[in-house]
Amino acid sequence: PTPAIQFHSNGVLLNIQNTNAGLSFKWRFKKRSFPKISDSGSGTVSVSGVNCAIDVGVTVTNDGKLQTHIRSANFNIGNISLKLSGGASWLYQIFINLFKSKIKGEIEKAVRQALINIVSKELNDIIARLPTRVLIPDSNGVGIDYSFSANPKFTPQFMSIMSHGEFFIWNRGPGSLIPRIPTPDNMYQDRME
């Protein structure tokens, strides 16, 4: 596989190309009502030429934390092979071969939705739990607020994040030592002045 992470003006593009995977499994079914039938066996699935691209936008919430959102998600399987063995697998294999493109499309759709859910929900849950204020040890009650003050800015080479970086008296909260002033944006200048 060829993974790549690229920054663009509105976020991050995560791209994995030409990945292969395989798995083996056991299957069985049993019908309890008339006519009672059951069958079992094993099988293998292999996929090749898998391409995955997720375009993730990054913004800052009102409480100064990062939040991600999916701008687009693509998941495509080049080739899929599904083989069953045991029982009446010869019969099931006929149907699998007839509906191979439909099975492939449903797998692509399910994986695409799972990727969207992981980034949209689980990644944001992890980010939301990250602290943005910390009490500095052995400081007699001084804390630092490093919450984000503006949406990140992206260039093809890097991501620039603006954070408060403010020291404050812990029991009084941010703004208790020095009033907040906007951080200068020198991202697109050749040098700082």
N, C-alpha and C. Protein backbone atom coordinates (compact mmCIF):
# COMPACT_ATOMS: atom_id res chain seq x y z
N PRO A 1 0.82 -1.20 0.00
CA PRO A 1 0.00 0.00 0.00
C PRO A 1 0.86 1.26 0.00
N THR A 2 0.27 2.32 -0.52
CA THR A 2 0.97 3.60 -0.56
C THR A 2 0.14 4.63 0.19
N PRO A 3 0.39 4.79 1.52
CA PRO A 3 -0.38 5.79 2.26
C PRO A 3 0.20 7.18 2.06
N ALA A 4 -0.65 8.18 2.10
CA ALA A 4 -0.20 9.56 1.96
C ALA A 4 -1.11 10.47 2.75
N ILE A 5 -0.53 11.49 3.35
CA ILE A 5 -1.28 12.54 4.03
C ILE A 5 -0.91 13.85 3.35
N GLN A 6 -1.91 14.55 2.85
CA GLN A 6 -1.66 15.81 2.15
C GLN A 6 -2.51 16.91 2.77
N PHE A 7 -1.89 18.05 2.99
CA PHE A 7 -2.63 19.22 3.45
C PHE A 7 -3.12 19.99 2.23
N HIS A 8 -4.31 20.56 2.33
CA HIS A 8 -4.80 21.48 1.31
C HIS A 8 -5.50 22.64 2.01
N SER A 9 -6.01 23.58 1.30
CA SER A 9 -6.47 24.84 1.89
C SER A 9 -7.55 24.67 2.96
N ASN A 10 -8.31 23.59 2.94
CA ASN A 10 -9.41 23.44 3.89
C ASN A 10 -9.29 22.24 4.81
N GLY A 11 -8.19 21.51 4.77
CA GLY A 11 -8.09 20.35 5.64
C GLY A 11 -6.99 19.40 5.23
N VAL A 12 -7.25 18.13 5.50
CA VAL A 12 -6.27 17.08 5.31
C VAL A 12 -6.87 15.98 4.45
N LEU A 13 -6.11 15.51 3.47
CA LEU A 13 -6.54 14.40 2.63
C LEU A 13 -5.72 13.18 3.03
N LEU A 14 -6.41 12.14 3.50
CA LEU A 14 -5.77 10.87 3.83
C LEU A 14 -6.04 9.93 2.67
N ASN A 15 -4.98 9.36 2.11
CA ASN A 15 -5.11 8.60 0.89
C ASN A 15 -4.29 7.32 1.00
N ILE A 16 -4.93 6.18 0.75
CA ILE A 16 -4.23 4.88 0.71
C ILE A 16 -4.58 4.25 -0.63
N GLN A 17 -3.56 3.87 -1.37
CA GLN A 17 -3.79 3.31 -2.70
C GLN A 17 -3.19 1.92 -2.83
N ASN A 18 -3.85 1.12 -3.66
CA ASN A 18 -3.37 -0.19 -4.07
C ASN A 18 -3.08 -1.13 -2.89
N THR A 19 -4.06 -1.25 -2.01
CA THR A 19 -3.95 -2.13 -0.84
C THR A 19 -4.62 -3.46 -1.15
N ASN A 20 -4.07 -4.53 -0.58
CA ASN A 20 -4.63 -5.87 -0.73
C ASN A 20 -4.93 -6.43 0.65
N ALA A 21 -5.96 -7.26 0.75
CA ALA A 21 -6.30 -7.88 2.03
C ALA A 21 -7.00 -9.20 1.78
N GLY A 22 -6.97 -10.05 2.78
CA GLY A 22 -7.65 -11.33 2.68
C GLY A 22 -8.04 -11.83 4.06
N LEU A 23 -9.06 -12.67 4.09
CA LEU A 23 -9.45 -13.29 5.35
C LEU A 23 -10.14 -14.61 5.06
N SER A 24 -10.13 -15.46 6.07
CA SER A 24 -10.85 -16.73 5.97
C SER A 24 -11.90 -16.75 7.07
N PHE A 25 -12.95 -17.52 6.86
CA PHE A 25 -14.06 -17.54 7.81
C PHE A 25 -14.76 -18.89 7.75
N LYS A 26 -15.57 -19.14 8.78
CA LYS A 26 -16.45 -20.30 8.82
C LYS A 26 -17.88 -19.77 8.75
N TRP A 27 -18.75 -20.48 8.05
CA TRP A 27 -20.14 -20.07 7.93
C TRP A 27 -21.04 -21.25 8.27
N ARG A 28 -22.26 -20.91 8.71
CA ARG A 28 -23.27 -21.93 8.95
C ARG A 28 -24.63 -21.27 9.05
N PHE A 29 -25.65 -22.04 8.79
CA PHE A 29 -27.01 -21.57 9.01
C PHE A 29 -27.87 -22.77 9.38
N LYS A 30 -28.98 -22.46 10.06
CA LYS A 30 -29.90 -23.49 10.49
C LYS A 30 -31.30 -22.90 10.50
N LYS A 31 -32.20 -23.52 9.78
CA LYS A 31 -33.60 -23.09 9.77
C LYS A 31 -34.35 -24.00 10.73
N ARG A 32 -35.00 -23.42 11.72
CA ARG A 32 -35.65 -24.19 12.78
C ARG A 32 -37.08 -24.59 12.44
N SER A 33 -37.72 -23.87 11.52
CA SER A 33 -39.09 -24.22 11.14
C SER A 33 -39.08 -25.13 9.91
N PHE A 34 -40.26 -25.65 9.57
CA PHE A 34 -40.37 -26.56 8.44
C PHE A 34 -40.11 -25.84 7.13
N PRO A 35 -39.40 -26.32 6.21
CA PRO A 35 -38.58 -27.55 6.29
C PRO A 35 -37.26 -27.24 7.01
N LYS A 36 -36.93 -28.07 7.96
CA LYS A 36 -35.71 -27.86 8.75
C LYS A 36 -34.50 -28.22 7.89
N ILE A 37 -33.66 -27.22 7.68
CA ILE A 37 -32.43 -27.43 6.92
C ILE A 37 -31.28 -26.72 7.62
N SER A 38 -30.11 -27.21 7.39
CA SER A 38 -28.91 -26.57 7.94
C SER A 38 -27.74 -26.88 7.02
N ASP A 39 -26.72 -26.06 7.11
CA ASP A 39 -25.53 -26.27 6.30
C ASP A 39 -24.39 -25.48 6.95
N SER A 40 -23.17 -25.86 6.61
CA SER A 40 -22.01 -25.15 7.16
C SER A 40 -20.82 -25.40 6.24
N GLY A 41 -19.80 -24.58 6.46
CA GLY A 41 -18.59 -24.73 5.67
C GLY A 41 -17.61 -23.63 6.03
N SER A 42 -16.70 -23.37 5.12
CA SER A 42 -15.71 -22.33 5.33
C SER A 42 -15.61 -21.51 4.05
N GLY A 43 -14.83 -20.44 4.12
CA GLY A 43 -14.69 -19.59 2.94
C GLY A 43 -13.51 -18.66 3.06
N THR A 44 -13.18 -18.03 1.96
CA THR A 44 -12.12 -17.02 1.92
C THR A 44 -12.60 -15.83 1.11
N VAL A 45 -12.13 -14.67 1.52
CA VAL A 45 -12.38 -13.43 0.78
C VAL A 45 -11.04 -12.77 0.58
N SER A 46 -10.78 -12.33 -0.63
CA SER A 46 -9.58 -11.53 -0.88
C SER A 46 -9.96 -10.35 -1.76
N VAL A 47 -9.37 -9.21 -1.43
CA VAL A 47 -9.59 -8.01 -2.21
C VAL A 47 -8.24 -7.47 -2.64
N SER A 48 -8.20 -6.87 -3.81
CA SER A 48 -6.95 -6.27 -4.30
C SER A 48 -7.28 -4.96 -5.00
N GLY A 49 -6.27 -4.11 -5.10
CA GLY A 49 -6.47 -2.82 -5.75
C GLY A 49 -7.42 -1.92 -4.98
N VAL A 50 -7.36 -1.99 -3.65
CA VAL A 50 -8.26 -1.18 -2.82
C VAL A 50 -7.69 0.24 -2.70
N ASN A 51 -8.53 1.22 -2.96
CA ASN A 51 -8.16 2.63 -2.83
C ASN A 51 -9.11 3.31 -1.87
N CYS A 52 -8.54 4.12 -0.97
CA CYS A 52 -9.33 4.80 0.04
C CYS A 52 -8.84 6.24 0.14
N ALA A 53 -9.76 7.20 0.06
CA ALA A 53 -9.42 8.62 0.21
C ALA A 53 -10.46 9.28 1.09
N ILE A 54 -10.00 9.95 2.14
CA ILE A 54 -10.88 10.67 3.05
C ILE A 54 -10.39 12.10 3.15
N ASP A 55 -11.26 13.03 2.83
CA ASP A 55 -10.95 14.46 2.92
C ASP A 55 -11.58 14.97 4.22
N VAL A 56 -10.73 15.37 5.16
CA VAL A 56 -11.19 15.76 6.49
C VAL A 56 -11.00 17.27 6.68
N GLY A 57 -12.08 17.96 6.97
CA GLY A 57 -12.01 19.37 7.32
C GLY A 57 -11.77 19.51 8.81
N VAL A 58 -11.05 20.55 9.22
CA VAL A 58 -10.75 20.78 10.63
C VAL A 58 -11.15 22.20 10.99
N THR A 59 -11.96 22.33 12.03
CA THR A 59 -12.39 23.64 12.52
C THR A 59 -12.22 23.68 14.04
N VAL A 60 -12.43 24.86 14.60
CA VAL A 60 -12.34 25.05 16.04
C VAL A 60 -13.74 25.29 16.59
N THR A 61 -14.07 24.61 17.70
CA THR A 61 -15.37 24.79 18.35
C THR A 61 -15.36 26.05 19.20
N ASN A 62 -16.52 26.43 19.71
CA ASN A 62 -16.64 27.61 20.57
C ASN A 62 -15.82 27.50 21.85
N ASP A 63 -15.59 26.26 22.32
CA ASP A 63 -14.80 26.09 23.55
C ASP A 63 -13.31 25.87 23.26
N GLY A 64 -12.87 26.16 22.03
CA GLY A 64 -11.45 26.14 21.70
C GLY A 64 -10.86 24.78 21.43
N LYS A 65 -11.67 23.81 21.04
CA LYS A 65 -11.16 22.48 20.71
C LYS A 65 -11.29 22.25 19.20
N LEU A 66 -10.43 21.39 18.70
CA LEU A 66 -10.51 21.04 17.28
C LEU A 66 -11.69 20.11 17.05
N GLN A 67 -12.26 20.20 15.87
CA GLN A 67 -13.35 19.32 15.48
C GLN A 67 -13.14 18.95 14.01
N THR A 68 -13.36 17.69 13.69
CA THR A 68 -13.21 17.24 12.31
C THR A 68 -14.58 17.00 11.69
N HIS A 69 -14.64 17.11 10.39
CA HIS A 69 -15.83 16.76 9.64
C HIS A 69 -15.39 16.22 8.28
N ILE A 70 -16.15 15.28 7.78
CA ILE A 70 -15.82 14.65 6.51
C ILE A 70 -16.31 15.53 5.37
N ARG A 71 -15.40 15.89 4.50
CA ARG A 71 -15.77 16.65 3.30
C ARG A 71 -16.11 15.67 2.17
N SER A 72 -15.38 14.56 2.11
CA SER A 72 -15.69 13.50 1.16
C SER A 72 -14.99 12.22 1.60
N ALA A 73 -15.55 11.10 1.20
CA ALA A 73 -14.95 9.80 1.51
C ALA A 73 -15.20 8.86 0.34
N ASN A 74 -14.14 8.23 -0.11
CA ASN A 74 -14.24 7.26 -1.21
C ASN A 74 -13.54 5.98 -0.80
N PHE A 75 -14.15 4.87 -1.13
CA PHE A 75 -13.56 3.56 -0.88
C PHE A 75 -13.93 2.68 -2.06
N ASN A 76 -12.92 2.22 -2.80
CA ASN A 76 -13.17 1.42 -3.99
C ASN A 76 -12.33 0.15 -3.96
N ILE A 77 -12.96 -0.94 -4.32
CA ILE A 77 -12.28 -2.23 -4.42
C ILE A 77 -12.03 -2.53 -5.89
N GLY A 78 -10.78 -2.81 -6.24
CA GLY A 78 -10.47 -3.17 -7.62
C GLY A 78 -11.03 -4.53 -7.98
N ASN A 79 -10.61 -5.55 -7.26
CA ASN A 79 -11.07 -6.92 -7.50
C ASN A 79 -11.42 -7.59 -6.18
N ILE A 80 -12.44 -8.44 -6.23
CA ILE A 80 -12.84 -9.20 -5.05
C ILE A 80 -13.03 -10.66 -5.44
N SER A 81 -12.58 -11.53 -4.56
CA SER A 81 -12.76 -12.96 -4.77
C SER A 81 -13.38 -13.54 -3.50
N LEU A 82 -14.52 -14.20 -3.63
CA LEU A 82 -15.21 -14.82 -2.51
C LEU A 82 -15.45 -16.27 -2.85
N LYS A 83 -14.82 -17.17 -2.10
CA LYS A 83 -14.92 -18.61 -2.37
C LYS A 83 -15.45 -19.33 -1.14
N LEU A 84 -16.45 -20.17 -1.33
CA LEU A 84 -17.01 -20.98 -0.26
C LEU A 84 -16.65 -22.44 -0.49
N SER A 85 -16.55 -23.18 0.61
CA SER A 85 -16.31 -24.63 0.51
C SER A 85 -17.12 -25.31 1.60
N GLY A 86 -17.40 -26.59 1.40
CA GLY A 86 -18.18 -27.38 2.36
C GLY A 86 -19.66 -27.27 2.07
N GLY A 87 -20.42 -28.25 2.52
CA GLY A 87 -21.87 -28.25 2.36
C GLY A 87 -22.27 -28.09 0.90
N ALA A 88 -23.29 -27.31 0.67
CA ALA A 88 -23.77 -27.06 -0.70
C ALA A 88 -23.14 -25.79 -1.25
N SER A 89 -21.88 -25.57 -0.93
CA SER A 89 -21.21 -24.34 -1.36
C SER A 89 -21.19 -24.20 -2.88
N TRP A 90 -21.19 -25.31 -3.60
CA TRP A 90 -21.20 -25.25 -5.06
C TRP A 90 -22.45 -24.48 -5.54
N LEU A 91 -23.59 -24.67 -4.84
CA LEU A 91 -24.82 -23.99 -5.20
C LEU A 91 -24.74 -22.51 -4.81
N TYR A 92 -24.27 -22.24 -3.60
CA TYR A 92 -24.16 -20.86 -3.13
C TYR A 92 -23.17 -20.07 -3.99
N GLN A 93 -22.11 -20.76 -4.43
CA GLN A 93 -21.08 -20.10 -5.22
C GLN A 93 -21.65 -19.58 -6.54
N ILE A 94 -22.64 -20.29 -7.10
CA ILE A 94 -23.29 -19.83 -8.33
C ILE A 94 -23.93 -18.46 -8.10
N PHE A 95 -24.65 -18.32 -6.97
CA PHE A 95 -25.30 -17.05 -6.67
C PHE A 95 -24.29 -15.96 -6.34
N ILE A 96 -23.24 -16.34 -5.65
CA ILE A 96 -22.18 -15.36 -5.34
C ILE A 96 -21.59 -14.82 -6.63
N ASN A 97 -21.29 -15.70 -7.56
CA ASN A 97 -20.71 -15.26 -8.83
C ASN A 97 -21.68 -14.39 -9.63
N LEU A 98 -22.98 -14.71 -9.58
CA LEU A 98 -23.98 -13.91 -10.29
C LEU A 98 -24.10 -12.50 -9.71
N PHE A 99 -23.98 -12.39 -8.39
CA PHE A 99 -24.17 -11.11 -7.71
C PHE A 99 -22.87 -10.49 -7.21
N LYS A 100 -21.76 -10.88 -7.80
CA LYS A 100 -20.44 -10.42 -7.35
C LYS A 100 -20.32 -8.90 -7.36
N SER A 101 -20.78 -8.25 -8.41
CA SER A 101 -20.66 -6.78 -8.48
C SER A 101 -21.55 -6.11 -7.44
N LYS A 102 -22.73 -6.67 -7.17
CA LYS A 102 -23.63 -6.12 -6.15
C LYS A 102 -23.00 -6.30 -4.76
N ILE A 103 -22.41 -7.46 -4.50
CA ILE A 103 -21.74 -7.73 -3.22
C ILE A 103 -20.59 -6.74 -3.03
N LYS A 104 -19.80 -6.56 -4.09
CA LYS A 104 -18.67 -5.62 -4.04
C LYS A 104 -19.16 -4.21 -3.73
N GLY A 105 -20.23 -3.77 -4.39
CA GLY A 105 -20.79 -2.44 -4.16
C GLY A 105 -21.29 -2.25 -2.74
N GLU A 106 -21.92 -3.29 -2.18
CA GLU A 106 -22.43 -3.20 -0.81
C GLU A 106 -21.27 -3.15 0.20
N ILE A 107 -20.21 -3.89 -0.06
CA ILE A 107 -19.03 -3.84 0.82
C ILE A 107 -18.42 -2.44 0.77
N GLU A 108 -18.27 -1.90 -0.43
CA GLU A 108 -17.71 -0.54 -0.57
C GLU A 108 -18.56 0.48 0.18
N LYS A 109 -19.87 0.37 0.04
CA LYS A 109 -20.77 1.30 0.71
C LYS A 109 -20.66 1.17 2.24
N ALA A 110 -20.61 -0.07 2.74
CA ALA A 110 -20.53 -0.29 4.19
C ALA A 110 -19.21 0.22 4.77
N VAL A 111 -18.10 -0.05 4.07
CA VAL A 111 -16.80 0.42 4.56
C VAL A 111 -16.72 1.94 4.51
N ARG A 112 -17.22 2.55 3.44
CA ARG A 112 -17.23 4.02 3.32
C ARG A 112 -18.00 4.62 4.50
N GLN A 113 -19.17 4.07 4.82
CA GLN A 113 -19.96 4.59 5.93
C GLN A 113 -19.25 4.37 7.27
N ALA A 114 -18.58 3.23 7.43
CA ALA A 114 -17.83 2.97 8.66
C ALA A 114 -16.70 3.98 8.82
N LEU A 115 -15.99 4.30 7.74
CA LEU A 115 -14.92 5.29 7.80
C LEU A 115 -15.47 6.67 8.19
N ILE A 116 -16.60 7.04 7.62
CA ILE A 116 -17.23 8.32 7.95
C ILE A 116 -17.60 8.35 9.43
N ASN A 117 -18.17 7.26 9.93
CA ASN A 117 -18.56 7.21 11.34
C ASN A 117 -17.36 7.29 12.26
N ILE A 118 -16.27 6.60 11.89
CA ILE A 118 -15.07 6.61 12.74
C ILE A 118 -14.51 8.02 12.84
N VAL A 119 -14.35 8.68 11.71
CA VAL A 119 -13.77 10.02 11.74
C VAL A 119 -14.74 11.02 12.36
N SER A 120 -16.01 10.96 11.97
CA SER A 120 -16.99 11.94 12.45
C SER A 120 -17.27 11.79 13.94
N LYS A 121 -17.43 10.58 14.41
CA LYS A 121 -17.84 10.38 15.80
C LYS A 121 -16.66 10.06 16.71
N GLU A 122 -15.98 8.97 16.41
CA GLU A 122 -14.96 8.48 17.34
C GLU A 122 -13.75 9.41 17.43
N LEU A 123 -13.28 9.93 16.31
CA LEU A 123 -12.14 10.84 16.34
C LEU A 123 -12.52 12.13 17.08
N ASN A 124 -13.71 12.64 16.83
CA ASN A 124 -14.15 13.85 17.54
C ASN A 124 -14.34 13.60 19.03
N ASP A 125 -14.78 12.40 19.41
CA ASP A 125 -14.89 12.06 20.83
C ASP A 125 -13.53 12.07 21.51
N ILE A 126 -12.52 11.54 20.82
CA ILE A 126 -11.15 11.52 21.37
C ILE A 126 -10.63 12.95 21.50
N ILE A 127 -10.80 13.74 20.45
CA ILE A 127 -10.32 15.13 20.46
C ILE A 127 -11.02 15.93 21.57
N ALA A 128 -12.32 15.70 21.76
CA ALA A 128 -13.07 16.45 22.76
C ALA A 128 -12.58 16.17 24.18
N ARG A 129 -12.01 14.99 24.41
CA ARG A 129 -11.52 14.64 25.74
C ARG A 129 -10.12 15.18 26.03
N LEU A 130 -9.44 15.69 25.01
CA LEU A 130 -8.11 16.24 25.24
C LEU A 130 -8.21 17.55 26.02
N PRO A 131 -7.42 17.69 27.08
CA PRO A 131 -7.52 18.92 27.87
C PRO A 131 -6.93 20.11 27.12
N THR A 132 -7.51 21.30 27.36
CA THR A 132 -6.97 22.53 26.78
C THR A 132 -6.50 23.48 27.87
N ARG A 133 -6.70 23.11 29.11
CA ARG A 133 -6.20 23.88 30.26
C ARG A 133 -5.51 22.91 31.20
N VAL A 134 -4.34 23.32 31.68
CA VAL A 134 -3.57 22.45 32.56
C VAL A 134 -3.01 23.27 33.70
N LEU A 135 -3.12 22.72 34.89
CA LEU A 135 -2.49 23.32 36.06
C LEU A 135 -1.02 22.95 36.02
N ILE A 136 -0.15 23.95 36.06
CA ILE A 136 1.29 23.70 35.98
C ILE A 136 1.76 23.20 37.35
N PRO A 137 2.40 22.02 37.38
CA PRO A 137 2.85 21.48 38.67
C PRO A 137 3.84 22.42 39.36
N ASP A 138 3.75 22.48 40.68
CA ASP A 138 4.66 23.29 41.52
C ASP A 138 4.67 24.75 41.12
N SER A 139 3.52 25.32 40.72
CA SER A 139 3.48 26.71 40.26
C SER A 139 2.66 27.61 41.17
N ASN A 140 2.23 27.09 42.30
CA ASN A 140 1.37 27.86 43.21
C ASN A 140 0.09 28.32 42.54
N GLY A 141 -0.55 27.43 41.79
CA GLY A 141 -1.86 27.72 41.23
C GLY A 141 -1.88 28.43 39.90
N VAL A 142 -0.83 28.33 39.12
CA VAL A 142 -0.82 28.94 37.79
C VAL A 142 -1.13 27.84 36.76
N GLY A 143 -2.00 28.18 35.83
CA GLY A 143 -2.36 27.25 34.77
C GLY A 143 -2.02 27.83 33.42
N ILE A 144 -2.13 26.99 32.42
CA ILE A 144 -1.94 27.45 31.03
C ILE A 144 -3.15 27.01 30.22
N ASP A 145 -3.64 27.93 29.43
CA ASP A 145 -4.76 27.66 28.53
C ASP A 145 -4.19 27.63 27.12
N TYR A 146 -4.17 26.46 26.53
CA TYR A 146 -3.68 26.34 25.16
C TYR A 146 -4.81 25.92 24.22
N SER A 147 -6.03 26.37 24.52
CA SER A 147 -7.15 26.12 23.62
C SER A 147 -6.92 26.88 22.31
N PHE A 148 -7.58 26.45 21.27
CA PHE A 148 -7.38 27.03 19.95
C PHE A 148 -8.23 28.29 19.81
N SER A 149 -7.67 29.31 19.19
CA SER A 149 -8.35 30.60 19.08
C SER A 149 -8.91 30.87 17.69
N ALA A 150 -8.51 30.10 16.70
CA ALA A 150 -8.99 30.30 15.32
C ALA A 150 -8.88 28.98 14.56
N ASN A 151 -9.62 28.88 13.48
CA ASN A 151 -9.54 27.68 12.65
C ASN A 151 -8.12 27.50 12.12
N PRO A 152 -7.67 26.26 12.00
CA PRO A 152 -6.33 26.03 11.45
C PRO A 152 -6.24 26.54 10.01
N LYS A 153 -5.04 26.91 9.61
CA LYS A 153 -4.78 27.30 8.23
C LYS A 153 -3.82 26.27 7.64
N PHE A 154 -4.05 25.94 6.39
CA PHE A 154 -3.28 24.89 5.74
C PHE A 154 -2.55 25.42 4.52
N THR A 155 -1.36 24.90 4.31
CA THR A 155 -0.64 25.05 3.05
C THR A 155 -0.29 23.63 2.62
N PRO A 156 0.22 23.43 1.44
CA PRO A 156 0.59 22.06 1.05
C PRO A 156 1.68 21.45 1.95
N GLN A 157 2.44 22.27 2.66
CA GLN A 157 3.53 21.75 3.48
C GLN A 157 3.18 21.57 4.95
N PHE A 158 2.28 22.38 5.49
CA PHE A 158 2.04 22.30 6.92
C PHE A 158 0.67 22.84 7.30
N MET A 159 0.34 22.62 8.58
CA MET A 159 -0.88 23.12 9.16
C MET A 159 -0.47 24.10 10.27
N SER A 160 -1.06 25.28 10.29
CA SER A 160 -0.77 26.28 11.30
C SER A 160 -1.97 26.39 12.23
N ILE A 161 -1.71 26.30 13.54
CA ILE A 161 -2.78 26.38 14.52
C ILE A 161 -2.52 27.56 15.45
N MET A 162 -3.56 28.31 15.72
CA MET A 162 -3.46 29.42 16.65
C MET A 162 -4.02 28.98 17.99
N SER A 163 -3.19 29.05 19.04
CA SER A 163 -3.69 28.71 20.37
C SER A 163 -3.46 29.90 21.30
N HIS A 164 -4.23 29.94 22.37
CA HIS A 164 -4.14 31.05 23.31
C HIS A 164 -2.76 31.10 23.97
N GLY A 165 -2.28 29.99 24.48
CA GLY A 165 -0.98 29.98 25.16
C GLY A 165 -0.96 30.94 26.34
N GLU A 166 -2.05 31.02 27.05
CA GLU A 166 -2.22 32.02 28.10
C GLU A 166 -1.98 31.41 29.49
N PHE A 167 -1.15 32.07 30.29
CA PHE A 167 -0.97 31.70 31.68
C PHE A 167 -2.03 32.41 32.50
N PHE A 168 -2.58 31.72 33.50
CA PHE A 168 -3.63 32.34 34.32
C PHE A 168 -3.60 31.76 35.73
N ILE A 169 -4.24 32.48 36.64
CA ILE A 169 -4.37 31.98 38.00
C ILE A 169 -5.50 30.96 38.00
N TRP A 170 -5.20 29.75 38.42
CA TRP A 170 -6.10 28.61 38.24
C TRP A 170 -7.50 28.85 38.79
N ASN A 171 -7.61 29.37 40.00
CA ASN A 171 -8.95 29.51 40.57
C ASN A 171 -9.70 30.75 40.05
N ARG A 172 -9.08 31.57 39.21
CA ARG A 172 -9.76 32.72 38.61
C ARG A 172 -10.09 32.51 37.13
N GLY A 173 -9.44 31.57 36.49
CA GLY A 173 -9.72 31.28 35.09
C GLY A 173 -8.93 32.13 34.12
N PRO A 174 -9.02 31.80 32.80
CA PRO A 174 -8.30 32.56 31.78
C PRO A 174 -8.64 34.04 31.80
N GLY A 175 -7.67 34.88 31.45
CA GLY A 175 -7.84 36.32 31.43
C GLY A 175 -7.52 36.96 32.77
N SER A 176 -7.10 36.15 33.76
CA SER A 176 -6.87 36.70 35.10
C SER A 176 -5.48 37.32 35.26
N LEU A 177 -4.52 36.98 34.40
CA LEU A 177 -3.19 37.57 34.51
C LEU A 177 -2.97 38.65 33.46
N ILE A 178 -3.19 38.30 32.21
CA ILE A 178 -2.95 39.21 31.09
C ILE A 178 -4.17 39.15 30.18
N PRO A 179 -4.71 40.27 29.77
CA PRO A 179 -5.86 40.23 28.86
C PRO A 179 -5.47 39.58 27.53
N ARG A 180 -6.44 38.91 26.92
CA ARG A 180 -6.20 38.25 25.64
C ARG A 180 -6.07 39.26 24.52
N ILE A 181 -5.08 39.03 23.66
CA ILE A 181 -4.93 39.82 22.45
C ILE A 181 -4.77 38.86 21.29
N PRO A 182 -5.20 39.22 20.09
CA PRO A 182 -5.09 38.31 18.96
C PRO A 182 -3.64 38.00 18.62
N THR A 183 -3.41 36.76 18.22
CA THR A 183 -2.08 36.34 17.79
C THR A 183 -1.88 36.78 16.35
N PRO A 184 -0.72 37.36 16.00
CA PRO A 184 -0.51 37.77 14.61
C PRO A 184 -0.44 36.55 13.69
N ASP A 185 -0.91 36.72 12.47
CA ASP A 185 -0.88 35.64 11.49
C ASP A 185 0.28 35.87 10.54
N ASN A 186 1.37 35.17 10.78
CA ASN A 186 2.56 35.30 9.93
C ASN A 186 2.74 34.10 9.02
N MET A 187 1.70 33.34 8.85
CA MET A 187 1.81 32.10 8.09
C MET A 187 2.29 32.31 6.66
N TYR A 188 1.83 33.37 6.03
CA TYR A 188 2.13 33.54 4.62
C TYR A 188 3.24 34.56 4.37
N GLN A 189 3.97 34.92 5.41
CA GLN A 189 5.11 35.83 5.23
C GLN A 189 6.40 35.01 5.20
N ASP A 190 7.39 35.54 4.53
CA ASP A 190 8.68 34.85 4.43
C ASP A 190 9.44 34.88 5.74
N ARG A 191 9.23 35.94 6.52
CA ARG A 191 9.93 36.05 7.79
C ARG A 191 9.06 36.79 8.79
N MET A 192 9.34 36.60 10.04
CA MET A 192 8.61 37.32 11.07
C MET A 192 9.22 38.70 11.26
N GLU A 193 8.40 39.67 11.52
CA GLU A 193 8.90 41.03 11.69
C GLU A 193 8.79 41.46 13.13
